[in-house]
Amino acid sequence: MPNPKTAEHQDQFKTPNDKRSYEIARSDLPLHCPLPEMSLWDSHPRVYIPIEDAEDGRMMCPYCGTEFILKDA
């Protein structure tokens, strides 16, 4: 993966943890944070989040606190 701070196409990456909440579809499972479209530069290690097991369809990343909401829970 190119370094997003020096890559030609920096606009193709989302800044890690720039939002505090993301809606996730079942087609996006298994869920992990950071998300695939985020650059991993200066972010935390990938952690899988078992959102499909959450009673209310909501879980938070234990590293950054980002909330994920399963849209079709």
PDB file of N, CA and C in Angstrom:
ATOM      1  N   MET A   1       0.846  -1.167   0.000  1.00  0.00           N
ATOM      2  CA  MET A   1       0.000   0.000   0.000  1.00  0.00           C
ATOM      3  C   MET A   1       0.894   1.234   0.000  1.00  0.00           C
ATOM      4  N   PRO A   2       0.587   2.209  -0.845  1.00  0.00           N
ATOM      5  CA  PRO A   2       1.409   3.418  -0.892  1.00  0.00           C
ATOM      6  C   PRO A   2       1.228   4.265   0.360  1.00  0.00           C
ATOM      7  N   ASN A   3       2.239   5.014   0.659  1.00  0.00           N
ATOM      8  CA  ASN A   3       2.173   5.942   1.785  1.00  0.00           C
ATOM      9  C   ASN A   3       1.216   7.067   1.395  1.00  0.00           C
ATOM     10  N   PRO A   4       0.099   7.250   2.111  1.00  0.00           N
ATOM     11  CA  PRO A   4      -0.872   8.269   1.722  1.00  0.00           C
ATOM     12  C   PRO A   4      -0.371   9.688   1.886  1.00  0.00           C
ATOM     13  N   LYS A   5       0.733   9.859   2.605  1.00  0.00           N
ATOM     14  CA  LYS A   5       1.277  11.205   2.763  1.00  0.00           C
ATOM     15  C   LYS A   5       2.136  11.602   1.574  1.00  0.00           C
ATOM     16  N   THR A   6       2.544  10.621   0.781  1.00  0.00           N
ATOM     17  CA  THR A   6       3.377  10.921  -0.375  1.00  0.00           C
ATOM     18  C   THR A   6       2.829  10.338  -1.669  1.00  0.00           C
ATOM     19  N   ALA A   7       1.745   9.579  -1.605  1.00  0.00           N
ATOM     20  CA  ALA A   7       1.196   8.925  -2.794  1.00  0.00           C
ATOM     21  C   ALA A   7       0.647   9.952  -3.775  1.00  0.00           C
ATOM     22  N   GLU A   8       0.706   9.590  -5.053  1.00  0.00           N
ATOM     23  CA  GLU A   8       0.169  10.461  -6.097  1.00  0.00           C
ATOM     24  C   GLU A   8      -1.319  10.703  -5.914  1.00  0.00           C
ATOM     25  N   HIS A   9      -2.034   9.682  -5.532  1.00  0.00           N
ATOM     26  CA  HIS A   9      -3.496   9.742  -5.476  1.00  0.00           C
ATOM     27  C   HIS A   9      -3.985   9.747  -4.036  1.00  0.00           C
ATOM     28  N   GLN A  10      -3.569  10.732  -3.286  1.00  0.00           N
ATOM     29  CA  GLN A  10      -3.936  10.803  -1.877  1.00  0.00           C
ATOM     30  C   GLN A  10      -5.440  10.904  -1.681  1.00  0.00           C
ATOM     31  N   ASP A  11      -6.152  11.434  -2.668  1.00  0.00           N
ATOM     32  CA  ASP A  11      -7.588  11.612  -2.529  1.00  0.00           C
ATOM     33  C   ASP A  11      -8.359  10.293  -2.548  1.00  0.00           C
ATOM     34  N   GLN A  12      -7.700   9.181  -2.883  1.00  0.00           N
ATOM     35  CA  GLN A  12      -8.390   7.896  -2.901  1.00  0.00           C
ATOM     36  C   GLN A  12      -8.505   7.274  -1.515  1.00  0.00           C
ATOM     37  N   PHE A  13      -7.818   7.816  -0.527  1.00  0.00           N
ATOM     38  CA  PHE A  13      -7.837   7.279   0.818  1.00  0.00           C
ATOM     39  C   PHE A  13      -8.670   8.150   1.743  1.00  0.00           C
ATOM     40  N   LYS A  14      -9.388   7.506   2.662  1.00  0.00           N
ATOM     41  CA  LYS A  14     -10.048   8.232   3.741  1.00  0.00           C
ATOM     42  C   LYS A  14      -9.064   8.298   4.894  1.00  0.00           C
ATOM     43  N   THR A  15      -9.149   9.345   5.651  1.00  0.00           N
ATOM     44  CA  THR A  15      -8.289   9.473   6.818  1.00  0.00           C
ATOM     45  C   THR A  15      -8.771   8.514   7.894  1.00  0.00           C
ATOM     46  N   PRO A  16      -7.893   7.693   8.447  1.00  0.00           N
ATOM     47  CA  PRO A  16      -8.328   6.778   9.505  1.00  0.00           C
ATOM     48  C   PRO A  16      -8.944   7.535  10.668  1.00  0.00           C
ATOM     49  N   ASN A  17     -10.029   6.983  11.167  1.00  0.00           N
ATOM     50  CA  ASN A  17     -10.676   7.509  12.365  1.00  0.00           C
ATOM     51  C   ASN A  17     -11.122   8.960  12.216  1.00  0.00           C
ATOM     52  N   ASP A  18     -11.420   9.411  10.987  1.00  0.00           N
ATOM     53  CA  ASP A  18     -11.856  10.793  10.809  1.00  0.00           C
ATOM     54  C   ASP A  18     -13.335  10.977  11.118  1.00  0.00           C
ATOM     55  N   LYS A  19     -14.080   9.870  11.205  1.00  0.00           N
ATOM     56  CA  LYS A  19     -15.472   9.916  11.608  1.00  0.00           C
ATOM     57  C   LYS A  19     -15.612   9.100  12.887  1.00  0.00           C
ATOM     58  N   ARG A  20     -16.592   9.398  13.659  1.00  0.00           N
ATOM     59  CA  ARG A  20     -16.788   8.674  14.911  1.00  0.00           C
ATOM     60  C   ARG A  20     -17.829   7.574  14.777  1.00  0.00           C
ATOM     61  N   SER A  21     -18.556   7.522  13.631  1.00  0.00           N
ATOM     62  CA  SER A  21     -19.591   6.527  13.454  1.00  0.00           C
ATOM     63  C   SER A  21     -19.692   6.137  11.978  1.00  0.00           C
ATOM     64  N   TYR A  22     -19.835   4.843  11.721  1.00  0.00           N
ATOM     65  CA  TYR A  22     -19.973   4.335  10.360  1.00  0.00           C
ATOM     66  C   TYR A  22     -21.125   3.353  10.307  1.00  0.00           C
ATOM     67  N   GLU A  23     -21.944   3.429   9.257  1.00  0.00           N
ATOM     68  CA  GLU A  23     -22.979   2.432   9.024  1.00  0.00           C
ATOM     69  C   GLU A  23     -22.390   1.330   8.160  1.00  0.00           C
ATOM     70  N   ILE A  24     -22.656   0.088   8.545  1.00  0.00           N
ATOM     71  CA  ILE A  24     -22.093  -1.075   7.884  1.00  0.00           C
ATOM     72  C   ILE A  24     -23.227  -1.962   7.388  1.00  0.00           C
ATOM     73  N   ALA A  25     -23.116  -2.474   6.168  1.00  0.00           N
ATOM     74  CA  ALA A  25     -24.090  -3.420   5.626  1.00  0.00           C
ATOM     75  C   ALA A  25     -23.583  -4.843   5.858  1.00  0.00           C
ATOM     76  N   ARG A  26     -24.493  -5.792   5.867  1.00  0.00           N
ATOM     77  CA  ARG A  26     -24.087  -7.197   6.034  1.00  0.00           C
ATOM     78  C   ARG A  26     -23.115  -7.640   4.942  1.00  0.00           C
ATOM     79  N   SER A  27     -23.217  -7.044   3.777  1.00  0.00           N
ATOM     80  CA  SER A  27     -22.296  -7.382   2.690  1.00  0.00           C
ATOM     81  C   SER A  27     -20.864  -6.945   2.988  1.00  0.00           C
ATOM     82  N   ASP A  28     -20.675  -6.060   3.977  1.00  0.00           N
ATOM     83  CA  ASP A  28     -19.346  -5.590   4.374  1.00  0.00           C
ATOM     84  C   ASP A  28     -18.684  -6.484   5.421  1.00  0.00           C
ATOM     85  N   LEU A  29     -19.409  -7.496   5.898  1.00  0.00           N
ATOM     86  CA  LEU A  29     -18.872  -8.387   6.935  1.00  0.00           C
ATOM     87  C   LEU A  29     -17.889  -9.377   6.336  1.00  0.00           C
ATOM     88  N   PRO A  30     -16.883  -9.839   7.041  1.00  0.00           N
ATOM     89  CA  PRO A  30     -16.587  -9.513   8.430  1.00  0.00           C
ATOM     90  C   PRO A  30     -16.041  -8.091   8.559  1.00  0.00           C
ATOM     91  N   LEU A  31     -16.456  -7.444   9.618  1.00  0.00           N
ATOM     92  CA  LEU A  31     -16.080  -6.055   9.884  1.00  0.00           C
ATOM     93  C   LEU A  31     -14.730  -6.008  10.578  1.00  0.00           C
ATOM     94  N   HIS A  32     -13.895  -5.099  10.108  1.00  0.00           N
ATOM     95  CA  HIS A  32     -12.658  -4.828  10.819  1.00  0.00           C
ATOM     96  C   HIS A  32     -12.374  -3.339  10.775  1.00  0.00           C
ATOM     97  N   CYS A  33     -11.659  -2.888  11.764  1.00  0.00           N
ATOM     98  CA  CYS A  33     -11.250  -1.496  11.857  1.00  0.00           C
ATOM     99  C   CYS A  33      -9.731  -1.466  11.878  1.00  0.00           C
ATOM    100  N   PRO A  34      -9.113  -0.606  11.089  1.00  0.00           N
ATOM    101  CA  PRO A  34      -9.666   0.359  10.166  1.00  0.00           C
ATOM    102  C   PRO A  34     -10.322  -0.325   8.965  1.00  0.00           C
ATOM    103  N   LEU A  35     -11.251   0.402   8.330  1.00  0.00           N
ATOM    104  CA  LEU A  35     -11.954  -0.105   7.158  1.00  0.00           C
ATOM    105  C   LEU A  35     -11.016  -0.173   5.953  1.00  0.00           C
ATOM    106  N   PRO A  36     -11.345  -1.014   4.960  1.00  0.00           N
ATOM    107  CA  PRO A  36     -10.455  -1.184   3.805  1.00  0.00           C
ATOM    108  C   PRO A  36     -10.165   0.103   3.032  1.00  0.00           C
ATOM    109  N   GLU A  37     -11.117   1.032   2.977  1.00  0.00           N
ATOM    110  CA  GLU A  37     -10.886   2.254   2.202  1.00  0.00           C
ATOM    111  C   GLU A  37     -10.079   3.302   2.951  1.00  0.00           C
ATOM    112  N   MET A  38      -9.736   3.026   4.193  1.00  0.00           N
ATOM    113  CA  MET A  38      -8.911   3.960   4.967  1.00  0.00           C
ATOM    114  C   MET A  38      -7.439   3.664   4.724  1.00  0.00           C
ATOM    115  N   SER A  39      -6.643   4.702   4.743  1.00  0.00           N
ATOM    116  CA  SER A  39      -5.209   4.462   4.721  1.00  0.00           C
ATOM    117  C   SER A  39      -4.842   3.908   6.094  1.00  0.00           C
ATOM    118  N   LEU A  40      -3.859   3.074   6.154  1.00  0.00           N
ATOM    119  CA  LEU A  40      -3.452   2.500   7.430  1.00  0.00           C
ATOM    120  C   LEU A  40      -2.328   3.290   8.081  1.00  0.00           C
ATOM    121  N   TRP A  41      -1.899   4.315   7.415  1.00  0.00           N
ATOM    122  CA  TRP A  41      -0.782   5.098   7.909  1.00  0.00           C
ATOM    123  C   TRP A  41      -1.144   5.770   9.230  1.00  0.00           C
ATOM    124  N   ASP A  42      -0.340   5.595  10.231  1.00  0.00           N
ATOM    125  CA  ASP A  42      -0.534   6.191  11.551  1.00  0.00           C
ATOM    126  C   ASP A  42      -1.839   5.759  12.216  1.00  0.00           C
ATOM    127  N   SER A  43      -2.331   4.587  11.881  1.00  0.00           N
ATOM    128  CA  SER A  43      -3.546   4.095  12.507  1.00  0.00           C
ATOM    129  C   SER A  43      -3.189   2.916  13.405  1.00  0.00           C
ATOM    130  N   HIS A  44      -4.180   2.242  13.925  1.00  0.00           N
ATOM    131  CA  HIS A  44      -3.937   1.122  14.822  1.00  0.00           C
ATOM    132  C   HIS A  44      -3.945  -0.198  14.055  1.00  0.00           C
ATOM    133  N   PRO A  45      -3.530  -1.290  14.697  1.00  0.00           N
ATOM    134  CA  PRO A  45      -3.549  -2.597  14.031  1.00  0.00           C
ATOM    135  C   PRO A  45      -4.984  -2.991  13.677  1.00  0.00           C
ATOM    136  N   ARG A  46      -5.130  -3.815  12.660  1.00  0.00           N
ATOM    137  CA  ARG A  46      -6.450  -4.286  12.257  1.00  0.00           C
ATOM    138  C   ARG A  46      -7.038  -5.154  13.361  1.00  0.00           C
ATOM    139  N   VAL A  47      -8.276  -4.860  13.709  1.00  0.00           N
ATOM    140  CA  VAL A  47      -8.992  -5.636  14.709  1.00  0.00           C
ATOM    141  C   VAL A  47     -10.358  -5.993  14.123  1.00  0.00           C
ATOM    142  N   TYR A  48     -10.730  -7.267  14.240  1.00  0.00           N
ATOM    143  CA  TYR A  48     -12.032  -7.711  13.745  1.00  0.00           C
ATOM    144  C   TYR A  48     -13.077  -7.484  14.827  1.00  0.00           C
ATOM    145  N   ILE A  49     -14.244  -6.988  14.414  1.00  0.00           N
ATOM    146  CA  ILE A  49     -15.304  -6.609  15.330  1.00  0.00           C
ATOM    147  C   ILE A  49     -16.536  -7.453  15.010  1.00  0.00           C
ATOM    148  N   PRO A  50     -16.976  -8.306  15.954  1.00  0.00           N
ATOM    149  CA  PRO A  50     -18.100  -9.215  15.698  1.00  0.00           C
ATOM    150  C   PRO A  50     -19.453  -8.517  15.827  1.00  0.00           C
ATOM    151  N   ILE A  51     -19.705  -7.539  14.996  1.00  0.00           N
ATOM    152  CA  ILE A  51     -20.921  -6.736  15.090  1.00  0.00           C
ATOM    153  C   ILE A  51     -22.180  -7.563  14.864  1.00  0.00           C
ATOM    154  N   GLU A  52     -22.076  -8.651  14.123  1.00  0.00           N
ATOM    155  CA  GLU A  52     -23.257  -9.481  13.862  1.00  0.00           C
ATOM    156  C   GLU A  52     -23.753 -10.164  15.139  1.00  0.00           C
ATOM    157  N   ASP A  53     -22.930 -10.212  16.175  1.00  0.00           N
ATOM    158  CA  ASP A  53     -23.321 -10.805  17.454  1.00  0.00           C
ATOM    159  C   ASP A  53     -23.920  -9.784  18.425  1.00  0.00           C
ATOM    160  N   ALA A  54     -23.862  -8.518  18.088  1.00  0.00           N
ATOM    161  CA  ALA A  54     -24.371  -7.470  18.978  1.00  0.00           C
ATOM    162  C   ALA A  54     -25.896  -7.457  18.957  1.00  0.00           C
ATOM    163  N   GLU A  55     -26.500  -7.396  20.132  1.00  0.00           N
ATOM    164  CA  GLU A  55     -27.962  -7.406  20.226  1.00  0.00           C
ATOM    165  C   GLU A  55     -28.602  -6.208  19.531  1.00  0.00           C
ATOM    166  N   ASP A  56     -27.989  -5.040  19.665  1.00  0.00           N
ATOM    167  CA  ASP A  56     -28.564  -3.829  19.080  1.00  0.00           C
ATOM    168  C   ASP A  56     -27.917  -3.430  17.752  1.00  0.00           C
ATOM    169  N   GLY A  57     -26.993  -4.271  17.231  1.00  0.00           N
ATOM    170  CA  GLY A  57     -26.354  -3.976  15.953  1.00  0.00           C
ATOM    171  C   GLY A  57     -25.336  -2.856  16.021  1.00  0.00           C
ATOM    172  N   ARG A  58     -24.816  -2.583  17.215  1.00  0.00           N
ATOM    173  CA  ARG A  58     -23.818  -1.519  17.394  1.00  0.00           C
ATOM    174  C   ARG A  58     -22.628  -2.077  18.165  1.00  0.00           C
ATOM    175  N   MET A  59     -21.440  -1.702  17.722  1.00  0.00           N
ATOM    176  CA  MET A  59     -20.215  -2.056  18.448  1.00  0.00           C
ATOM    177  C   MET A  59     -19.205  -0.949  18.239  1.00  0.00           C
ATOM    178  N   MET A  60     -18.255  -0.887  19.168  1.00  0.00           N
ATOM    179  CA  MET A  60     -17.196   0.111  19.086  1.00  0.00           C
ATOM    180  C   MET A  60     -15.851  -0.576  18.909  1.00  0.00           C
ATOM    181  N   CYS A  61     -14.957   0.101  18.200  1.00  0.00           N
ATOM    182  CA  CYS A  61     -13.598  -0.386  18.043  1.00  0.00           C
ATOM    183  C   CYS A  61     -12.877  -0.210  19.383  1.00  0.00           C
ATOM    184  N   PRO A  62     -12.245  -1.271  19.889  1.00  0.00           N
ATOM    185  CA  PRO A  62     -11.558  -1.153  21.176  1.00  0.00           C
ATOM    186  C   PRO A  62     -10.310  -0.273  21.123  1.00  0.00           C
ATOM    187  N   TYR A  63      -9.780  -0.025  19.921  1.00  0.00           N
ATOM    188  CA  TYR A  63      -8.580   0.810  19.805  1.00  0.00           C
ATOM    189  C   TYR A  63      -8.914   2.297  19.710  1.00  0.00           C
ATOM    190  N   CYS A  64      -9.822   2.649  18.795  1.00  0.00           N
ATOM    191  CA  CYS A  64     -10.041   4.069  18.515  1.00  0.00           C
ATOM    192  C   CYS A  64     -11.400   4.582  18.966  1.00  0.00           C
ATOM    193  N   GLY A  65     -12.300   3.684  19.379  1.00  0.00           N
ATOM    194  CA  GLY A  65     -13.599   4.110  19.862  1.00  0.00           C
ATOM    195  C   GLY A  65     -14.609   4.445  18.785  1.00  0.00           C
ATOM    196  N   THR A  66     -14.285   4.191  17.516  1.00  0.00           N
ATOM    197  CA  THR A  66     -15.235   4.433  16.444  1.00  0.00           C
ATOM    198  C   THR A  66     -16.414   3.501  16.594  1.00  0.00           C
ATOM    199  N   GLU A  67     -17.631   4.029  16.445  1.00  0.00           N
ATOM    200  CA  GLU A  67     -18.841   3.229  16.553  1.00  0.00           C
ATOM    201  C   GLU A  67     -19.232   2.717  15.173  1.00  0.00           C
ATOM    202  N   PHE A  68     -19.600   1.453  15.120  1.00  0.00           N
ATOM    203  CA  PHE A  68     -20.092   0.844  13.892  1.00  0.00           C
ATOM    204  C   PHE A  68     -21.535   0.417  14.123  1.00  0.00           C
ATOM    205  N   ILE A  69     -22.390   0.699  13.132  1.00  0.00           N
ATOM    206  CA  ILE A  69     -23.814   0.400  13.226  1.00  0.00           C
ATOM    207  C   ILE A  69     -24.180  -0.495  12.046  1.00  0.00           C
ATOM    208  N   LEU A  70     -24.707  -1.672  12.343  1.00  0.00           N
ATOM    209  CA  LEU A  70     -25.134  -2.599  11.306  1.00  0.00           C
ATOM    210  C   LEU A  70     -26.486  -2.127  10.786  1.00  0.00           C
ATOM    211  N   LYS A  71     -26.532  -1.707   9.524  1.00  0.00           N
ATOM    212  CA  LYS A  71     -27.741  -1.092   8.941  1.00  0.00           C
ATOM    213  C   LYS A  71     -28.927  -2.034   8.921  1.00  0.00           C
ATOM    214  N   ASP A  72     -28.695  -3.287   8.573  1.00  0.00           N
ATOM    215  CA  ASP A  72     -29.802  -4.226   8.426  1.00  0.00           C
ATOM    216  C   ASP A  72     -29.771  -5.262   9.539  1.00  0.00           C
ATOM    217  N   ALA A  73     -29.641  -4.768  10.771  1.00  0.00           N
ATOM    218  CA  ALA A  73     -29.553  -5.651  11.939  1.00  0.00           C
ATOM    219  C   ALA A  73     -30.891  -6.301  12.257  1.00  0.00           C
TER     220      ALA A  73
END
